Each structure stands twice: as structure tokens, then as C-alpha cells.
N, C-alpha and C. Protein backbone atom coordinates (compact mmCIF):
# COMPACT_ATOMS: atom_id res chain seq x y z
N MET A 1 0.66 -29.48 -64.39
CA MET A 1 -0.31 -29.03 -65.19
C MET A 1 -0.09 -27.87 -65.98
N PRO A 2 -0.05 -27.75 -67.20
CA PRO A 2 0.30 -26.68 -68.05
C PRO A 2 -0.58 -25.63 -67.80
N ILE A 3 0.22 -24.30 -68.02
CA ILE A 3 -0.70 -22.89 -67.72
C ILE A 3 -1.72 -22.88 -68.60
N GLY A 4 -1.71 -23.49 -69.96
CA GLY A 4 -2.79 -23.26 -70.88
C GLY A 4 -4.11 -23.98 -70.40
N VAL A 5 -3.91 -25.34 -69.53
CA VAL A 5 -4.97 -25.88 -69.08
C VAL A 5 -5.51 -25.19 -67.98
N ILE A 6 -4.72 -24.79 -66.81
CA ILE A 6 -5.14 -24.09 -65.97
C ILE A 6 -6.10 -22.69 -66.27
N LEU A 7 -5.49 -22.07 -67.30
CA LEU A 7 -6.31 -20.78 -67.85
C LEU A 7 -7.76 -21.27 -68.40
N LEU A 8 -7.76 -22.41 -69.27
CA LEU A 8 -8.92 -22.77 -69.63
C LEU A 8 -9.87 -23.32 -68.47
N ILE A 9 -9.36 -23.87 -67.51
CA ILE A 9 -10.45 -24.17 -66.38
C ILE A 9 -10.83 -22.87 -65.64
N LEU A 10 -10.05 -21.74 -65.68
CA LEU A 10 -10.41 -20.42 -64.70
C LEU A 10 -11.32 -19.73 -65.76
N LEU A 11 -11.13 -19.66 -66.81
CA LEU A 11 -11.88 -19.04 -67.93
C LEU A 11 -13.13 -19.50 -68.00
N ALA A 12 -13.56 -21.06 -67.72
CA ALA A 12 -14.62 -21.59 -68.00
C ALA A 12 -15.60 -21.71 -66.81
N PHE A 13 -15.09 -21.95 -65.77
CA PHE A 13 -15.73 -22.00 -64.42
C PHE A 13 -15.76 -21.13 -63.60
N VAL A 14 -14.73 -20.10 -63.39
CA VAL A 14 -14.66 -19.23 -62.34
C VAL A 14 -15.54 -18.06 -62.26
N PRO A 15 -15.84 -17.41 -63.50
CA PRO A 15 -16.77 -16.51 -63.66
C PRO A 15 -18.47 -16.63 -63.09
N ILE A 16 -18.68 -18.01 -63.43
CA ILE A 16 -20.20 -18.52 -63.04
C ILE A 16 -20.23 -18.32 -61.66
N PRO A 17 -19.68 -18.89 -60.49
CA PRO A 17 -19.77 -18.70 -59.18
C PRO A 17 -19.60 -17.16 -58.86
N ILE A 18 -18.61 -16.33 -59.40
CA ILE A 18 -18.37 -15.00 -59.32
C ILE A 18 -19.88 -14.18 -59.36
N PHE A 19 -20.22 -14.50 -60.39
CA PHE A 19 -21.58 -13.62 -60.78
C PHE A 19 -23.04 -14.28 -60.01
N ALA A 20 -22.74 -15.60 -59.72
CA ALA A 20 -24.05 -16.16 -59.20
C ALA A 20 -23.93 -15.77 -57.63
N GLY A 21 -22.60 -15.62 -56.94
CA GLY A 21 -22.61 -14.88 -55.61
C GLY A 21 -22.99 -13.71 -55.84
N TYR A 22 -22.64 -12.78 -56.62
CA TYR A 22 -22.85 -11.28 -56.56
C TYR A 22 -24.55 -11.26 -56.84
N TYR A 23 -25.16 -12.09 -57.54
CA TYR A 23 -26.59 -12.03 -57.60
C TYR A 23 -27.31 -12.41 -56.41
N ILE A 24 -26.74 -13.51 -55.86
CA ILE A 24 -27.22 -13.84 -54.33
C ILE A 24 -27.15 -12.83 -53.47
N LEU A 25 -25.71 -12.15 -53.02
CA LEU A 25 -25.54 -11.04 -52.17
C LEU A 25 -26.45 -9.97 -52.39
N THR A 26 -26.63 -9.53 -53.70
CA THR A 26 -27.63 -8.47 -53.87
C THR A 26 -29.08 -8.57 -53.57
N ARG A 27 -29.46 -9.91 -53.95
CA ARG A 27 -30.89 -10.49 -53.35
C ARG A 27 -31.09 -10.49 -51.87
N ILE A 28 -29.96 -10.71 -51.24
CA ILE A 28 -30.22 -10.73 -49.71
C ILE A 28 -30.21 -9.29 -48.95
N GLN A 29 -29.49 -8.38 -49.97
CA GLN A 29 -29.39 -6.85 -49.46
C GLN A 29 -30.60 -6.11 -49.49
N TYR A 30 -31.52 -6.58 -50.68
CA TYR A 30 -32.57 -5.59 -50.81
C TYR A 30 -33.97 -6.43 -50.53
N VAL A 31 -35.01 -5.68 -50.16
CA VAL A 31 -36.11 -6.14 -49.73
C VAL A 31 -37.49 -5.70 -50.84
N LYS A 32 -38.44 -6.51 -50.94
CA LYS A 32 -39.15 -5.99 -51.97
C LYS A 32 -40.16 -4.96 -51.29
N GLY A 33 -40.58 -4.03 -52.33
CA GLY A 33 -41.71 -2.90 -51.65
C GLY A 33 -42.56 -2.43 -52.82
N ARG A 34 -43.45 -1.50 -52.82
CA ARG A 34 -44.33 -0.97 -53.55
C ARG A 34 -43.98 0.46 -53.99
N CYS A 35 -43.62 0.82 -55.22
CA CYS A 35 -43.16 1.99 -55.74
C CYS A 35 -44.01 2.70 -56.75
N THR A 36 -44.37 3.97 -56.58
CA THR A 36 -45.46 4.61 -57.38
C THR A 36 -44.31 5.70 -58.43
N ILE A 37 -44.71 5.57 -59.68
CA ILE A 37 -43.96 6.28 -60.46
C ILE A 37 -44.39 7.79 -60.59
N VAL A 38 -43.32 8.51 -60.18
CA VAL A 38 -43.55 10.25 -60.08
C VAL A 38 -43.43 10.82 -61.41
N SER A 39 -42.22 10.47 -62.15
CA SER A 39 -42.23 11.10 -63.35
C SER A 39 -41.07 10.25 -63.96
N LYS A 40 -40.74 10.57 -65.65
CA LYS A 40 -39.96 9.75 -66.15
C LYS A 40 -39.45 10.70 -67.34
N GLY A 41 -38.27 10.34 -67.68
CA GLY A 41 -37.89 11.25 -69.16
C GLY A 41 -36.44 10.38 -69.50
N LEU A 42 -36.17 10.94 -70.70
CA LEU A 42 -34.88 10.35 -71.17
C LEU A 42 -33.84 11.30 -71.21
N ARG A 43 -32.60 11.15 -70.56
CA ARG A 43 -31.71 11.72 -70.20
C ARG A 43 -30.77 11.78 -71.72
N GLU A 44 -30.29 12.72 -71.97
CA GLU A 44 -29.35 12.75 -73.24
C GLU A 44 -28.07 13.42 -72.88
N LYS A 45 -27.11 13.11 -73.38
CA LYS A 45 -25.85 13.64 -73.18
C LYS A 45 -24.83 13.49 -74.40
N ARG A 46 -23.99 14.05 -74.57
CA ARG A 46 -22.89 14.01 -75.70
C ARG A 46 -21.41 13.71 -75.26
N ASP A 47 -20.96 12.71 -75.66
CA ASP A 47 -19.71 12.47 -75.26
C ASP A 47 -18.60 13.02 -75.92
N GLY A 48 -17.26 12.82 -75.71
CA GLY A 48 -16.41 13.89 -76.29
C GLY A 48 -16.13 13.83 -77.88
N ASP A 49 -16.91 12.81 -78.33
CA ASP A 49 -16.88 12.90 -79.94
C ASP A 49 -17.91 13.47 -80.60
N GLY A 50 -18.85 14.12 -79.42
CA GLY A 50 -20.31 14.63 -79.96
C GLY A 50 -21.38 13.64 -80.20
N ASN A 51 -21.20 12.26 -80.01
CA ASN A 51 -22.15 11.44 -80.04
C ASN A 51 -23.20 11.60 -79.06
N TYR A 52 -24.26 11.04 -79.35
CA TYR A 52 -25.41 11.20 -78.20
C TYR A 52 -25.48 9.99 -77.52
N LEU A 53 -25.46 9.97 -76.26
CA LEU A 53 -25.76 8.96 -75.14
C LEU A 53 -26.89 9.04 -74.61
N TYR A 54 -27.86 8.02 -74.07
CA TYR A 54 -28.96 8.12 -73.63
C TYR A 54 -29.40 7.08 -72.41
N SER A 55 -29.97 7.67 -71.27
CA SER A 55 -30.39 6.56 -69.94
C SER A 55 -31.67 7.23 -69.87
N ALA A 56 -32.47 6.05 -69.57
CA ALA A 56 -33.80 6.07 -69.04
C ALA A 56 -33.86 6.67 -67.59
N LYS A 57 -34.46 7.63 -67.27
CA LYS A 57 -34.58 8.20 -65.79
C LYS A 57 -36.10 7.94 -65.60
N VAL A 58 -36.35 7.20 -64.60
CA VAL A 58 -37.74 6.95 -63.90
C VAL A 58 -37.55 7.29 -62.32
N ILE A 59 -38.39 8.52 -62.17
CA ILE A 59 -38.47 8.85 -60.66
C ILE A 59 -39.84 7.83 -59.76
N TYR A 60 -39.31 7.53 -58.70
CA TYR A 60 -40.59 6.89 -58.00
C TYR A 60 -40.27 7.10 -56.46
N SER A 61 -41.47 6.85 -55.78
CA SER A 61 -41.46 7.10 -54.60
C SER A 61 -42.05 5.81 -53.88
N PHE A 62 -41.64 5.77 -52.60
CA PHE A 62 -41.91 4.41 -51.70
C PHE A 62 -41.82 4.47 -50.35
N GLN A 63 -42.74 4.05 -49.72
CA GLN A 63 -42.76 3.89 -48.35
C GLN A 63 -42.13 2.75 -47.27
N VAL A 64 -41.21 2.97 -46.46
CA VAL A 64 -40.63 2.04 -45.74
C VAL A 64 -41.25 1.95 -44.40
N PRO A 65 -41.73 0.75 -43.96
CA PRO A 65 -42.43 0.50 -42.78
C PRO A 65 -41.24 0.35 -41.73
N PRO A 66 -41.51 0.38 -40.38
CA PRO A 66 -42.54 0.60 -39.75
C PRO A 66 -43.04 2.20 -39.68
N ASP A 67 -42.18 3.14 -39.80
CA ASP A 67 -42.17 4.39 -39.70
C ASP A 67 -43.07 4.83 -40.93
N GLY A 68 -43.20 4.28 -42.00
CA GLY A 68 -43.73 4.87 -43.20
C GLY A 68 -43.10 6.29 -43.72
N ILE A 69 -41.98 6.19 -43.79
CA ILE A 69 -41.10 7.43 -44.21
C ILE A 69 -40.95 7.17 -45.74
N THR A 70 -41.51 8.19 -46.52
CA THR A 70 -41.35 8.13 -47.77
C THR A 70 -40.02 8.44 -48.44
N TYR A 71 -39.54 7.67 -49.29
CA TYR A 71 -38.22 7.91 -50.04
C TYR A 71 -38.41 7.77 -51.60
N GLN A 72 -37.54 8.68 -52.21
CA GLN A 72 -37.74 8.64 -53.68
C GLN A 72 -36.29 7.91 -54.43
N GLY A 73 -36.60 7.50 -55.54
CA GLY A 73 -35.41 6.67 -56.22
C GLY A 73 -35.37 6.97 -57.64
N ASP A 74 -34.38 6.81 -58.29
CA ASP A 74 -34.48 7.16 -59.68
C ASP A 74 -33.56 5.96 -60.52
N ARG A 75 -33.32 4.76 -59.97
CA ARG A 75 -32.46 3.80 -60.59
C ARG A 75 -33.72 2.82 -61.20
N HIS A 76 -33.57 2.40 -62.59
CA HIS A 76 -34.38 1.39 -63.16
C HIS A 76 -33.79 0.04 -62.55
N ASN A 77 -32.47 -0.23 -62.47
CA ASN A 77 -31.72 -1.29 -62.27
C ASN A 77 -30.28 -1.00 -61.72
N LEU A 78 -29.77 -2.00 -61.10
CA LEU A 78 -28.39 -1.81 -60.50
C LEU A 78 -27.42 -0.83 -61.52
N LEU A 79 -27.65 -0.91 -62.60
CA LEU A 79 -26.73 -0.27 -63.65
C LEU A 79 -27.07 0.66 -64.22
N SER A 80 -28.35 1.27 -63.88
CA SER A 80 -29.11 2.42 -64.57
C SER A 80 -28.74 3.65 -64.58
N ARG A 81 -27.32 3.81 -64.11
CA ARG A 81 -26.80 5.30 -64.33
C ARG A 81 -25.79 5.05 -65.41
N SER A 82 -25.40 3.92 -65.96
CA SER A 82 -24.68 3.93 -67.20
C SER A 82 -25.47 4.53 -68.55
N LEU A 83 -24.65 5.15 -69.47
CA LEU A 83 -25.30 5.86 -70.69
C LEU A 83 -24.86 4.77 -71.79
N THR A 84 -25.66 4.92 -72.76
CA THR A 84 -25.58 4.00 -74.08
C THR A 84 -26.04 4.80 -75.32
N SER A 85 -25.55 4.20 -76.44
CA SER A 85 -25.94 4.95 -77.55
C SER A 85 -27.42 4.18 -78.16
N ASP A 86 -27.94 3.41 -77.51
CA ASP A 86 -29.01 2.80 -77.97
C ASP A 86 -30.24 3.27 -77.22
N LYS A 87 -30.89 4.39 -77.98
CA LYS A 87 -31.99 5.45 -77.51
C LYS A 87 -32.98 4.72 -77.51
N TRP A 88 -33.37 3.47 -78.36
CA TRP A 88 -34.47 2.76 -78.34
C TRP A 88 -34.69 1.79 -77.33
N SER A 89 -33.55 1.25 -76.58
CA SER A 89 -33.62 0.47 -75.51
C SER A 89 -34.01 1.32 -74.21
N GLN A 90 -33.52 2.61 -74.22
CA GLN A 90 -33.83 3.48 -72.94
C GLN A 90 -35.48 3.68 -73.33
N GLN A 91 -35.89 4.21 -74.42
CA GLN A 91 -37.16 4.53 -74.61
C GLN A 91 -38.17 3.21 -74.15
N ALA A 92 -37.57 2.22 -74.57
CA ALA A 92 -38.56 0.83 -74.25
C ALA A 92 -38.73 0.82 -72.55
N ILE A 93 -37.49 1.02 -71.87
CA ILE A 93 -37.78 1.22 -70.21
C ILE A 93 -38.78 2.03 -69.93
N LEU A 94 -38.44 3.32 -70.45
CA LEU A 94 -39.50 4.38 -70.18
C LEU A 94 -41.01 3.95 -70.65
N ASP A 95 -41.16 3.32 -71.67
CA ASP A 95 -42.41 2.70 -72.03
C ASP A 95 -43.14 1.79 -71.07
N SER A 96 -42.11 1.06 -70.73
CA SER A 96 -42.86 0.00 -69.64
C SER A 96 -43.38 0.59 -68.20
N TYR A 97 -43.19 1.68 -68.01
CA TYR A 97 -43.61 2.49 -66.70
C TYR A 97 -44.65 3.71 -67.25
N HIS A 98 -45.58 3.53 -66.12
CA HIS A 98 -46.61 4.84 -66.32
C HIS A 98 -46.86 5.57 -65.11
N VAL A 99 -46.73 6.94 -65.20
CA VAL A 99 -46.62 7.83 -64.25
C VAL A 99 -48.12 7.70 -63.39
N GLY A 100 -47.97 7.58 -62.19
CA GLY A 100 -49.12 7.46 -61.38
C GLY A 100 -49.24 6.03 -60.96
N GLU A 101 -48.94 4.99 -61.71
CA GLU A 101 -49.06 3.78 -61.47
C GLU A 101 -47.87 3.09 -60.39
N THR A 102 -48.45 2.07 -59.85
CA THR A 102 -47.70 1.52 -58.71
C THR A 102 -46.89 0.08 -59.42
N TYR A 103 -45.60 -0.36 -58.86
CA TYR A 103 -44.96 -1.32 -59.50
C TYR A 103 -44.16 -1.92 -58.28
N PRO A 104 -43.93 -3.22 -58.24
CA PRO A 104 -42.76 -3.63 -57.41
C PRO A 104 -41.48 -3.07 -57.45
N CYS A 105 -40.69 -2.94 -56.24
CA CYS A 105 -39.53 -2.19 -56.45
C CYS A 105 -38.73 -2.98 -55.26
N TRP A 106 -37.30 -2.71 -54.98
CA TRP A 106 -36.30 -3.33 -54.04
C TRP A 106 -35.72 -2.28 -53.48
N TYR A 107 -35.42 -2.33 -52.15
CA TYR A 107 -34.75 -1.30 -51.56
C TYR A 107 -33.82 -2.02 -50.34
N LYS A 108 -32.84 -1.32 -50.03
CA LYS A 108 -32.00 -1.70 -48.84
C LYS A 108 -32.59 -1.20 -47.65
N PRO A 109 -32.97 -2.07 -46.61
CA PRO A 109 -33.70 -1.73 -45.33
C PRO A 109 -32.82 -1.06 -44.55
N LYS A 110 -31.45 -1.20 -44.50
CA LYS A 110 -30.56 -0.42 -43.75
C LYS A 110 -30.15 0.97 -44.30
N ASP A 111 -30.39 1.12 -45.79
CA ASP A 111 -30.22 2.21 -46.23
C ASP A 111 -31.35 2.61 -47.36
N PRO A 112 -32.59 2.88 -47.19
CA PRO A 112 -33.53 3.04 -48.22
C PRO A 112 -33.28 4.13 -49.33
N THR A 113 -32.27 4.80 -49.23
CA THR A 113 -31.90 5.52 -50.20
C THR A 113 -31.38 4.58 -51.40
N LYS A 114 -31.11 3.49 -51.24
CA LYS A 114 -30.52 2.71 -52.44
C LYS A 114 -31.68 1.77 -52.44
N SER A 115 -32.11 1.93 -53.88
CA SER A 115 -33.50 1.32 -54.33
C SER A 115 -33.36 1.19 -55.99
N VAL A 116 -33.91 0.05 -56.59
CA VAL A 116 -34.19 -0.28 -57.65
C VAL A 116 -35.44 -0.53 -58.27
N LEU A 117 -35.98 -0.20 -59.37
CA LEU A 117 -37.13 -1.00 -59.92
C LEU A 117 -36.99 -2.37 -60.26
N THR A 118 -35.88 -2.66 -60.76
CA THR A 118 -35.59 -3.99 -61.42
C THR A 118 -34.37 -4.62 -60.72
N LEU A 119 -34.57 -5.73 -59.95
CA LEU A 119 -33.51 -6.57 -59.29
C LEU A 119 -33.11 -7.63 -60.12
N ARG A 120 -32.22 -7.22 -61.28
CA ARG A 120 -31.57 -8.47 -61.81
C ARG A 120 -30.46 -8.31 -62.42
N VAL A 121 -29.74 -9.23 -62.74
CA VAL A 121 -28.39 -9.07 -63.57
C VAL A 121 -28.64 -9.75 -64.86
N SER A 122 -28.53 -8.85 -65.90
CA SER A 122 -29.16 -9.42 -67.25
C SER A 122 -27.62 -10.24 -67.67
N LEU A 123 -28.04 -10.98 -68.95
CA LEU A 123 -27.21 -11.38 -69.75
C LEU A 123 -26.11 -10.75 -70.32
N ILE A 124 -26.48 -9.57 -70.46
CA ILE A 124 -25.51 -8.46 -70.92
C ILE A 124 -24.65 -8.00 -69.74
N ASP A 125 -25.01 -7.81 -68.78
CA ASP A 125 -24.06 -7.73 -67.58
C ASP A 125 -23.12 -8.82 -67.17
N PHE A 126 -23.70 -10.06 -67.40
CA PHE A 126 -23.00 -11.25 -67.00
C PHE A 126 -21.56 -11.14 -68.30
N VAL A 127 -22.08 -10.91 -69.56
CA VAL A 127 -21.03 -10.95 -70.67
C VAL A 127 -19.98 -10.06 -70.51
N VAL A 128 -20.58 -8.61 -70.30
CA VAL A 128 -19.48 -7.68 -69.97
C VAL A 128 -18.46 -7.83 -68.74
N GLY A 129 -19.04 -8.52 -67.64
CA GLY A 129 -18.36 -9.08 -66.56
C GLY A 129 -17.26 -10.06 -66.82
N TYR A 130 -17.82 -10.97 -67.96
CA TYR A 130 -16.93 -12.00 -68.18
C TYR A 130 -15.86 -11.63 -69.21
N VAL A 131 -15.85 -10.56 -70.05
CA VAL A 131 -15.03 -10.18 -70.99
C VAL A 131 -14.01 -9.47 -70.04
N PHE A 132 -14.39 -8.84 -69.09
CA PHE A 132 -13.40 -8.02 -68.08
C PHE A 132 -12.37 -8.98 -67.48
N PHE A 133 -13.19 -10.21 -66.95
CA PHE A 133 -12.56 -11.12 -66.42
C PHE A 133 -11.37 -11.73 -67.22
N VAL A 134 -11.78 -12.16 -68.35
CA VAL A 134 -10.99 -12.89 -69.39
C VAL A 134 -9.67 -11.96 -69.43
N PHE A 135 -9.97 -10.68 -69.81
CA PHE A 135 -8.97 -9.55 -70.08
C PHE A 135 -8.07 -9.50 -68.73
N ALA A 136 -8.72 -9.66 -67.57
CA ALA A 136 -7.60 -9.45 -66.68
C ALA A 136 -6.80 -10.64 -66.37
N ILE A 137 -7.24 -11.85 -66.74
CA ILE A 137 -6.41 -13.19 -66.82
C ILE A 137 -5.35 -13.17 -67.42
N LEU A 138 -5.82 -12.67 -68.82
CA LEU A 138 -4.82 -12.58 -69.93
C LEU A 138 -3.64 -11.59 -69.80
N LEU A 139 -3.96 -10.50 -68.98
CA LEU A 139 -3.21 -9.22 -68.61
C LEU A 139 -2.28 -9.94 -67.54
N ILE A 140 -2.82 -10.63 -66.54
CA ILE A 140 -2.00 -11.43 -65.51
C ILE A 140 -0.87 -12.21 -66.38
N ILE A 141 -1.44 -13.01 -67.01
CA ILE A 141 -0.64 -14.09 -67.79
C ILE A 141 0.57 -13.43 -68.58
N GLY A 142 0.14 -12.15 -69.27
CA GLY A 142 1.28 -11.64 -70.05
C GLY A 142 2.17 -10.97 -69.22
N ILE A 143 1.65 -10.52 -68.08
CA ILE A 143 2.91 -9.89 -67.01
C ILE A 143 3.82 -10.86 -66.55
N ILE A 144 3.23 -12.06 -66.23
CA ILE A 144 3.92 -13.09 -65.72
C ILE A 144 5.02 -13.66 -66.88
N ARG A 145 4.66 -13.82 -68.09
CA ARG A 145 5.48 -14.21 -69.22
C ARG A 145 6.77 -13.13 -69.22
N LEU A 146 6.25 -11.72 -69.26
CA LEU A 146 7.31 -10.88 -69.23
C LEU A 146 8.50 -10.79 -68.28
N MET A 147 7.90 -10.89 -67.29
CA MET A 147 8.82 -11.07 -65.87
C MET A 147 9.69 -12.43 -66.09
N ALA A 148 9.02 -13.44 -66.56
CA ALA A 148 9.77 -14.66 -66.56
C ALA A 148 10.91 -14.53 -67.60
N ALA A 149 10.48 -13.59 -68.47
CA ALA A 149 11.61 -13.62 -69.90
C ALA A 149 12.57 -12.83 -69.44
N LYS A 150 12.66 -12.12 -68.47
CA LYS A 150 14.01 -11.08 -68.10
C LYS A 150 14.95 -11.98 -67.16
């Protein structure tokens, strides 16, 4: 079978089970809880070029049964510590939560310090992962071709 056909099969079908598996494993590790929003704010940072980057910071508290120990978290989703130049998307996240109100959240029962308000993998996360996967495959093929040419 030609390398081009193998590459097309890999690019078309391999990422879907990888990301589906990641999503399922994530779902298995976290349990649902109830979180109360303590505070929220927009984090602002400058990159090396002086451009502003933003991240929504939502601090929440929750109790873990059976002991009722209270924990705090600040992650909106699994990737919420990443910064973006899109200030309005981060503001929209902040606008969806109100201080003092209670929302569903998810935490790891074995390590409740790991928690999130939203447990999902977005289409953007999938696309970014897919692009990195394609890049890695192309890089491997390039290295193989270079080695074969010598």
C-alpha cells in the first residue's frame, strides 16, 4: 500500500478515537458536584510583543462528601489556564456566572484540588489537537524521507 494512502487513512480516522478516548477518560475521572461562585475577574497579561492576552478567572468553592471538606477551584474548563487575545470570549465566560450562585461542577474524587466548572472538549480543542496530530505525522514522514534519501 502506498505511503500516501496510509497517510490519508491515518489523518482521517486516527484522531477521532484518540480524542473520543480522551473525552471518555476525562469523564470517568471526574464526578459531578455543586459549586458556589466566590469571585470572578478578567486576567490580563502582555506577551513579548506587548499584545494583551486574556483569561477568565472564576473562583468557586464546593464540598466533597462524606467529610464535607470545602475546596476551592479556579478552572472554568480543562484548558482555562490558557490565554487568548479574544477578550470578548473571556468576558462572555465571566458573564455566564454570578457571584453567590451555585452551578454544576466536576472534581476528581481522589484529588478534589482538580476541579472544573465545565467538563467538555470543545470543537476548537478538537481542531487544535487535530492540527498538531497532522503536523506530527507530516514531520515523521519528512524525517523518514530524509533518512531514506541518504
